[in-house]
Every structure is written in structure tokens, then in C-alpha cells.
Amino acid sequence: MSERLEDIAARMLAPGKGILAADESTGTIKKRLDSVGVDSTADTRRDYREMLFSAEEAMQTYISGVILYDETIRQQARDGTPLVDLIARAGAVPGIKVDKGAKPLAGFPEEKITEGLDGLRERLEEYHGLGARFAKWRAVISISEGLPSWGAVKQNAQVLARYAALCQEAGIVPIVEPEVLMDGTPGGHTIDRCYDVSEWVLKTVFQELYDARVVLEGMVLKPNMVIDGQKLRKASREEVAEKTVRCLKATVPASVPGIAFLSGGQSDEEATAHLSIMNAGHDLPWTLTFSYGRALQAPALKAWSGRDENVAAGQRAFAHRARMNALAARGEWNADLEKAA
């Protein structure tokens, strides 16, 4: 008997745990490896991710799921164990990024649409066979004085809904990720502008999910936080937390089991602090946790730097960030814990 979508979602949203985004495309992982002087090859990419997935403390205690890239879901560890099995052995759910990236949206200058629906039904079937039990699709929404346009918001919401419906048909939980970008407006945009756009985008996405008959109990939302633009950054941590929660309460049905935030350009500590304040100060109908990539990995990558003798140091750095975010998912993080480490 196949596993219920609701049960998979519950495992992904286990209390005090979050999702590791390790689904960087080949181009993105190359930039990350370049930053520590490591050549990007199939082997170095494998070694780096194996270092993360075999970090027992982090994976068993703080990580509920891992988003993989097409190459990674097919790779084996040095000893021949499929990387998917390393993840499952730690008690986490393997997942897969299925979109083909954001491309220019025809007729809408400066806006993008995420591609990858062609052949998705067959790819999902294959990924299910390879062990994936959830998937991720990211839509990017540009923000500036005149953007986003209604056309871009609507088309990206429709694509997210079609993707989510196909996932559920395949027995895979969709992570629905509409990201209102932090950069964009020259000089930056205000937190209130981000609120208005985020509210509009989320309302549109949930209308499309409803129209596509997506079972809300069997999905996870991965939104941006409501935050002022990267070039402006004036809002306090408390204001970011308060406005994010207000926006979510205005748009996200209580039947959605959980929300796993993206870190989207925030510093490691900022992303952790915002999540913790939201969980500590608010009564919420859904689980609020993290689905971070760079904000979980950056210190581990630096500590590892491609050397076998640094694997343990990399795993300690990963465990520390994972622990900080796990505390934030319970509303128990504070800045002193960062210094103590």
C-alpha cells in the first residue's frame, strides 16, 4: 500500500526539524565550490554532499528531509551506498527538485516563468522509483515599482498548481515555492511593499491550487519571509516576524500542514532569528520550519574546503547551523547560543 501524502508531509514537518535544500544546479554548486578553491566535478560534488548526508548528529536530530538535484539522486557514496539511502537511513525523507529553472516570460520584460512541465509526469514516476517522496518547484516573482505584473503572478501560480497536482498523482508531496525576490528595486523596496506583493502572490497561488484540486493537507508551502529589499534592510527582526505571520494568516489555509521558509538572501543568523521569533511569539495553525540551502551549508562548506581530513569539521559546522535552526523551529533560539558555539 502506498504511503499517504499526509503522512509523508507529517514526516517532513517533524517537530524541531527542518529541510536541507541540497538541490543546487550544476552551475550553482560550481560557484559554491569555486568559493573554497575546489574544482566542480561529479566526484567533488558527490564528496561534498556525502559529507553533509553522513553527518549523523545533524541528519538524525535536526533534518527531516533533503531536496536533491537530478545528478545527486542517482549518485552513490564512495562505498557504493546510494546517497538516497544515506538520507533515508538517517530518518529523513529524500526529495527532488523538478523544475527546469526560471526563464524570461515572453511578452513580460524583466519577469520570469519557471519551465519544466513537459514530461513531468514521467519524470515524477522515475523519481518515485529512485526513492523521492517529495518534490520542489520554485517560481520567482520580481519586485520593483511596476512589478510584478498580474500576468506574471497568474501564470507562475498556474504552473505551480499544475506541478503540485502532478506530484500528488504520483504519490509525491509537492513543496510549492513562490519566491518574491529580496533584490530587485534599485535602492531596495520597503517591507510594506514586500507584504503587499507577497499577500497578492500567495492569494493567487492558493486560488490556483484550489482550482487544480490539489489536496492542501498533502503539500508544504515554501515562501519568502516578508522583508525589506536587500539594498534597504531597515526593518527589525521583530517587524519581519510580525509582518510575515500576518501575511501568512491572511493567505494560507489552516489545512496546509506546514510552511518551510526559504532563506532568500538573508544572513545565516538572520534567517534563524526571524524563524525563532515567529515560533516564540505567535499562535499558529501550521508548523513553521526551515528549508534552507546556503544558510545551512555555508559554514560547513568553508570548514570542509574539499579536504578529506576536514570532513569531521565540516560536519560539526553543519550540525551547529542545523541545531540553531531546529531551536528556531521551536521558538527557542537566542544569539548567545551562537557565541557559545
Protein backbone atom coordinates (compact mmCIF):
# COMPACT_ATOMS: atom_id res chain seq x y z
CA MET A 1 0.00 0.00 0.00
CA SER A 2 1.43 3.38 -0.93
CA GLU A 3 2.16 5.94 1.78
CA ARG A 4 -0.44 8.67 2.27
CA LEU A 5 0.61 12.16 1.21
CA GLU A 6 -0.46 13.47 4.64
CA ASP A 7 1.87 11.00 6.38
CA ILE A 8 4.86 11.99 4.20
CA ALA A 9 4.12 15.68 4.88
CA ALA A 10 3.98 14.94 8.63
CA ARG A 11 7.44 13.33 8.46
CA MET A 12 8.79 16.36 6.56
CA LEU A 13 7.36 18.62 9.27
CA ALA A 14 8.55 16.62 12.30
CA PRO A 15 8.70 18.91 15.39
CA GLY A 16 12.03 20.71 15.81
CA LYS A 17 13.37 19.57 12.44
CA GLY A 18 13.67 21.19 9.00
CA ILE A 19 14.54 20.52 5.38
CA LEU A 20 18.03 20.76 3.89
CA ALA A 21 17.98 22.23 0.38
CA ALA A 22 20.87 20.49 -1.42
CA ASP A 23 19.39 20.87 -4.88
CA GLU A 24 21.82 23.40 -6.33
CA SER A 25 22.09 23.11 -10.09
CA THR A 26 25.47 22.17 -11.58
CA GLY A 27 26.12 25.87 -12.26
CA THR A 28 25.25 26.98 -8.72
CA ILE A 29 27.23 24.24 -6.95
CA LYS A 30 30.22 25.15 -9.15
CA LYS A 31 30.10 28.73 -7.77
CA ARG A 32 29.92 27.40 -4.21
CA LEU A 33 32.87 25.02 -4.73
CA ASP A 34 34.85 27.74 -6.55
CA SER A 35 34.47 29.93 -3.46
CA VAL A 36 36.55 27.43 -1.44
CA GLY A 37 39.00 26.61 -4.25
CA VAL A 38 37.56 23.21 -5.19
CA ASP A 39 37.10 22.11 -8.82
CA SER A 40 33.49 21.14 -9.53
CA THR A 41 33.45 17.54 -10.82
CA ALA A 42 30.93 14.73 -10.36
CA ASP A 43 33.24 13.32 -7.64
CA THR A 44 33.76 16.56 -5.70
CA ARG A 45 30.04 17.32 -5.82
CA ARG A 46 29.38 13.81 -4.54
CA ASP A 47 32.01 14.10 -1.80
CA TYR A 48 30.61 17.42 -0.58
CA ARG A 49 27.05 16.15 -0.38
CA GLU A 50 28.12 12.83 1.13
CA MET A 51 29.88 14.83 3.86
CA LEU A 52 26.54 16.51 4.66
CA PHE A 53 24.26 13.47 4.35
CA SER A 54 26.52 11.27 6.51
CA ALA A 55 26.71 13.87 9.33
CA GLU A 56 24.93 11.72 11.91
CA GLU A 57 24.18 14.33 14.57
CA ALA A 58 22.74 16.86 12.11
CA MET A 59 20.83 14.41 9.93
CA GLN A 60 19.30 12.26 12.67
CA THR A 61 18.44 15.01 15.13
CA TYR A 62 17.64 18.15 13.13
CA ILE A 63 16.91 17.32 9.47
CA SER A 64 13.55 15.90 8.35
CA GLY A 65 14.10 15.93 4.58
CA VAL A 66 16.67 16.70 1.87
CA ILE A 67 15.95 18.24 -1.54
CA LEU A 68 18.22 16.69 -4.17
CA TYR A 69 19.24 17.59 -7.72
CA ASP A 70 18.82 15.13 -10.63
CA GLU A 71 22.53 14.22 -10.59
CA THR A 72 22.59 13.65 -6.81
CA ILE A 73 19.56 11.36 -6.59
CA ARG A 74 21.39 8.99 -8.94
CA GLN A 75 24.80 9.15 -7.20
CA GLN A 76 26.40 6.68 -4.83
CA ALA A 77 28.62 7.37 -1.85
CA ARG A 78 32.27 6.35 -2.07
CA ASP A 79 31.43 2.94 -0.58
CA GLY A 80 28.70 2.34 -3.19
CA THR A 81 25.68 3.18 -1.00
CA PRO A 82 23.14 5.29 -2.92
CA LEU A 83 23.05 8.81 -1.43
CA VAL A 84 19.25 8.43 -1.17
CA ASP A 85 19.82 5.51 1.20
CA LEU A 86 22.15 7.58 3.40
CA ILE A 87 19.35 10.11 3.80
CA ALA A 88 16.64 7.52 4.46
CA ARG A 89 18.89 5.69 6.94
CA ALA A 90 19.20 8.89 8.97
CA GLY A 91 15.40 9.02 9.19
CA ALA A 92 14.98 11.91 6.71
CA VAL A 93 12.76 11.95 3.62
CA PRO A 94 14.51 12.19 0.22
CA GLY A 95 13.08 14.81 -2.15
CA ILE A 96 13.87 16.14 -5.61
CA LYS A 97 13.90 19.50 -7.42
CA VAL A 98 11.87 19.01 -10.61
CA ASP A 99 11.66 22.45 -12.21
CA LYS A 100 13.97 23.38 -15.11
CA GLY A 101 14.67 26.90 -13.90
CA ALA A 102 13.21 30.36 -14.39
CA LYS A 103 13.32 31.64 -17.98
CA PRO A 104 12.30 35.04 -19.43
CA LEU A 105 8.49 35.28 -19.67
CA ALA A 106 7.60 36.10 -23.28
CA GLY A 107 5.89 39.48 -23.52
CA PHE A 108 6.77 40.47 -19.96
CA PRO A 109 10.15 42.28 -19.81
CA GLU A 110 12.15 41.67 -16.60
CA GLU A 111 9.80 38.88 -15.46
CA LYS A 112 10.27 35.12 -15.46
CA ILE A 113 8.32 31.90 -15.71
CA THR A 114 9.56 28.56 -14.38
CA GLU A 115 9.70 25.81 -17.01
CA GLY A 116 9.68 22.03 -16.70
CA LEU A 117 6.05 20.82 -17.02
CA ASP A 118 6.77 18.93 -20.27
CA GLY A 119 7.39 15.29 -19.43
CA LEU A 120 6.96 15.95 -15.70
CA ARG A 121 4.50 13.08 -15.14
CA GLU A 122 7.06 10.57 -16.43
CA ARG A 123 9.94 12.18 -14.53
CA LEU A 124 7.97 12.06 -11.27
CA GLU A 125 7.29 8.37 -11.80
CA GLU A 126 11.02 7.76 -12.28
CA TYR A 127 11.97 9.86 -9.23
CA HIS A 128 9.43 7.97 -7.10
CA GLY A 129 11.18 4.76 -8.18
CA LEU A 130 14.54 6.29 -7.18
CA GLY A 131 13.20 6.97 -3.67
CA ALA A 132 11.91 10.57 -3.78
CA ARG A 133 8.77 11.17 -1.71
CA PHE A 134 8.51 14.92 -2.12
CA ALA A 135 9.42 17.41 -4.84
CA LYS A 136 10.16 21.12 -5.15
CA TRP A 137 9.28 23.73 -7.77
CA ARG A 138 10.40 27.36 -7.42
CA ALA A 139 8.66 30.28 -9.04
CA VAL A 140 10.42 33.67 -8.87
CA ILE A 141 8.48 36.91 -8.63
CA SER A 142 10.39 40.12 -9.40
CA ILE A 143 9.53 43.16 -7.33
CA SER A 144 10.06 46.82 -8.28
CA GLU A 145 7.99 49.98 -8.74
CA GLY A 146 5.89 48.48 -11.54
CA LEU A 147 6.46 44.77 -10.98
CA PRO A 148 5.20 42.14 -10.65
CA SER A 149 2.56 42.28 -13.36
CA TRP A 150 -0.71 40.41 -12.93
CA GLY A 151 0.20 38.27 -15.95
CA ALA A 152 3.43 37.03 -14.36
CA VAL A 153 1.81 36.35 -10.97
CA LYS A 154 -1.09 34.48 -12.57
CA GLN A 155 1.00 32.37 -14.94
CA ASN A 156 3.51 31.35 -12.26
CA ALA A 157 0.65 30.44 -9.89
CA GLN A 158 -0.97 28.28 -12.57
CA VAL A 159 2.30 26.47 -13.26
CA LEU A 160 2.83 25.81 -9.53
CA ALA A 161 -0.67 24.36 -9.30
CA ARG A 162 -0.22 22.08 -12.32
CA TYR A 163 3.10 20.85 -10.91
CA ALA A 164 1.52 20.20 -7.48
CA ALA A 165 -1.37 18.22 -8.96
CA LEU A 166 1.03 16.02 -10.98
CA CYS A 167 3.14 15.37 -7.86
CA GLN A 168 0.15 14.25 -5.83
CA GLU A 169 -0.97 11.95 -8.66
CA ALA A 170 2.49 10.30 -8.43
CA GLY A 171 2.35 9.86 -4.63
CA ILE A 172 4.83 12.70 -4.10
CA VAL A 173 4.28 15.65 -1.74
CA PRO A 174 4.78 18.97 -3.57
CA ILE A 175 6.73 21.79 -1.97
CA VAL A 176 5.13 24.87 -3.52
CA GLU A 177 7.70 27.69 -3.61
CA PRO A 178 6.58 31.13 -4.80
CA GLU A 179 9.56 33.38 -4.01
CA VAL A 180 9.15 37.15 -4.01
CA LEU A 181 12.78 38.14 -4.57
CA MET A 182 14.63 40.26 -2.00
CA ASP A 183 16.69 42.06 -4.62
CA GLY A 184 15.15 43.98 -7.48
CA THR A 185 14.14 47.56 -6.91
CA PRO A 186 17.11 49.92 -7.38
CA GLY A 187 17.76 51.23 -3.88
CA GLY A 188 15.63 48.46 -2.38
CA HIS A 189 11.91 48.19 -1.59
CA THR A 190 10.14 48.67 1.75
CA ILE A 191 8.86 45.84 3.91
CA ASP A 192 5.30 47.07 3.27
CA ARG A 193 5.81 46.72 -0.48
CA CYS A 194 7.07 43.18 0.09
CA TYR A 195 3.99 42.49 2.27
CA ASP A 196 1.57 43.66 -0.43
CA VAL A 197 3.24 41.63 -3.19
CA SER A 198 3.65 38.51 -1.02
CA GLU A 199 -0.02 38.64 0.03
CA TRP A 200 -1.14 39.04 -3.59
CA VAL A 201 1.08 36.18 -4.80
CA LEU A 202 0.01 33.76 -2.03
CA LYS A 203 -3.72 34.51 -2.50
CA THR A 204 -3.34 33.85 -6.23
CA VAL A 205 -1.35 30.64 -5.68
CA PHE A 206 -3.94 29.19 -3.28
CA GLN A 207 -6.79 30.05 -5.65
CA GLU A 208 -4.97 28.17 -8.44
CA LEU A 209 -4.19 25.21 -6.13
CA TYR A 210 -7.89 25.02 -5.26
CA ASP A 211 -8.90 25.17 -8.93
CA ALA A 212 -6.40 22.40 -9.76
CA ARG A 213 -7.89 20.19 -6.98
CA VAL A 214 -4.63 19.98 -5.08
CA VAL A 215 -5.11 18.36 -1.65
CA LEU A 216 -3.84 21.06 0.71
CA GLU A 217 -3.24 18.54 3.52
CA GLY A 218 -0.68 16.81 1.29
CA MET A 219 1.54 19.78 0.39
CA VAL A 220 4.13 22.05 2.02
CA LEU A 221 4.45 25.79 1.30
CA LYS A 222 7.93 27.30 0.89
CA PRO A 223 7.52 31.09 0.83
CA ASN A 224 9.80 34.06 1.29
CA MET A 225 9.67 35.97 4.56
CA VAL A 226 8.14 39.46 4.41
CA ILE A 227 11.32 41.53 4.46
CA ASP A 228 12.57 44.80 3.01
CA GLY A 229 14.77 44.72 -0.09
CA GLN A 230 18.41 43.68 0.16
CA LYS A 231 19.65 47.21 -0.56
CA LEU A 232 17.41 48.81 2.09
CA ARG A 233 17.30 46.46 5.14
CA LYS A 234 15.92 48.68 7.91
CA ALA A 235 13.18 46.53 9.41
CA SER A 236 13.84 45.00 12.83
CA ARG A 237 13.77 41.23 13.34
CA GLU A 238 10.52 41.61 15.28
CA GLU A 239 8.87 43.54 12.43
CA VAL A 240 9.91 40.92 9.85
CA ALA A 241 8.47 38.16 12.05
CA GLU A 242 5.23 40.03 12.80
CA LYS A 243 4.52 41.03 9.19
CA THR A 244 5.40 37.57 7.85
CA VAL A 245 2.98 35.89 10.26
CA ARG A 246 0.26 38.45 9.49
CA CYS A 247 0.67 37.84 5.74
CA LEU A 248 0.54 34.06 6.15
CA LYS A 249 -2.56 34.22 8.36
CA ALA A 250 -4.27 36.34 5.70
CA THR A 251 -3.50 33.94 2.85
CA VAL A 252 -2.61 30.35 3.86
CA PRO A 253 -5.49 27.98 4.71
CA ALA A 254 -5.19 26.20 8.06
CA SER A 255 -5.47 22.84 6.24
CA VAL A 256 -1.91 23.28 4.91
CA PRO A 257 0.15 21.24 7.41
CA GLY A 258 3.31 23.30 7.33
CA ILE A 259 5.37 26.16 5.99
CA ALA A 260 9.12 25.73 5.44
CA PHE A 261 10.74 29.09 4.73
CA LEU A 262 13.46 29.79 2.20
CA SER A 263 16.32 31.96 3.48
CA GLY A 264 16.44 34.02 0.27
CA GLY A 265 19.44 36.31 0.65
CA GLN A 266 19.34 36.66 4.46
CA SER A 267 22.46 36.01 6.52
CA ASP A 268 22.66 32.65 8.33
CA GLU A 269 21.86 34.18 11.71
CA GLU A 270 19.10 36.49 10.41
CA ALA A 271 17.21 33.61 8.83
CA THR A 272 17.43 31.70 12.12
CA ALA A 273 16.41 34.66 14.30
CA HIS A 274 13.35 35.55 12.22
CA LEU A 275 12.06 31.96 12.33
CA SER A 276 12.55 31.72 16.09
CA ILE A 277 10.68 34.97 16.82
CA MET A 278 7.74 33.79 14.70
CA ASN A 279 7.53 30.50 16.59
CA ALA A 280 8.03 32.04 20.03
CA GLY A 281 5.55 34.88 19.77
CA HIS A 282 2.57 33.61 17.80
CA ASP A 283 -0.20 31.05 17.99
CA LEU A 284 -0.11 29.39 14.57
CA PRO A 285 -2.34 26.89 12.76
CA TRP A 286 0.59 25.31 10.86
CA THR A 287 4.10 24.06 11.63
CA LEU A 288 6.64 26.80 10.78
CA THR A 289 10.10 25.50 9.97
CA PHE A 290 13.05 25.99 7.61
CA SER A 291 14.05 24.75 4.18
CA TYR A 292 17.43 26.44 3.88
CA GLY A 293 20.26 25.86 1.43
CA ARG A 294 23.12 28.32 1.76
CA ALA A 295 22.03 29.36 5.29
CA LEU A 296 22.56 25.76 6.46
CA GLN A 297 25.57 24.87 4.31
CA ALA A 298 27.87 27.91 4.08
CA PRO A 299 29.89 27.28 7.30
CA ALA A 300 30.14 23.54 6.52
CA LEU A 301 31.42 24.19 3.00
CA LYS A 302 34.07 26.56 4.31
CA ALA A 303 35.21 24.18 7.06
CA TRP A 304 35.39 21.23 4.63
CA SER A 305 37.05 23.02 1.66
CA GLY A 306 37.37 19.78 -0.29
CA ARG A 307 39.79 18.02 2.09
CA ASP A 308 39.15 14.54 3.46
CA GLU A 309 40.82 15.47 6.75
CA ASN A 310 38.24 18.26 7.18
CA VAL A 311 35.12 16.10 6.85
CA ALA A 312 34.55 15.99 10.62
CA ALA A 313 35.00 19.77 10.90
CA GLY A 314 32.52 20.31 8.06
CA GLN A 315 30.01 18.00 9.74
CA ARG A 316 30.39 19.86 13.07
CA ALA A 317 29.74 23.19 11.32
CA PHE A 318 26.68 21.71 9.60
CA ALA A 319 25.40 20.25 12.89
CA HIS A 320 25.74 23.63 14.60
CA ARG A 321 23.71 25.51 11.97
CA ALA A 322 21.14 22.70 11.83
CA ARG A 323 20.82 22.79 15.62
CA MET A 324 20.39 26.59 15.67
CA ASN A 325 17.60 26.34 13.10
CA ALA A 326 15.99 23.39 14.89
CA LEU A 327 15.86 25.53 18.04
CA ALA A 328 14.32 28.33 15.94
CA ALA A 329 11.67 25.89 14.70
CA ARG A 330 10.68 25.50 18.38
CA GLY A 331 10.98 29.23 19.14
CA GLU A 332 13.95 28.57 21.46
CA TRP A 333 16.92 30.14 19.65
CA ASN A 334 18.86 33.10 21.05
CA ALA A 335 22.00 34.91 19.93
CA ASP A 336 24.02 33.75 22.97
CA LEU A 337 23.86 30.17 21.68
CA GLU A 338 25.72 31.28 18.54
CA LYS A 339 28.53 32.78 20.63
CA ALA A 340 28.73 29.72 22.88
CA ALA A 341 29.48 27.58 19.85
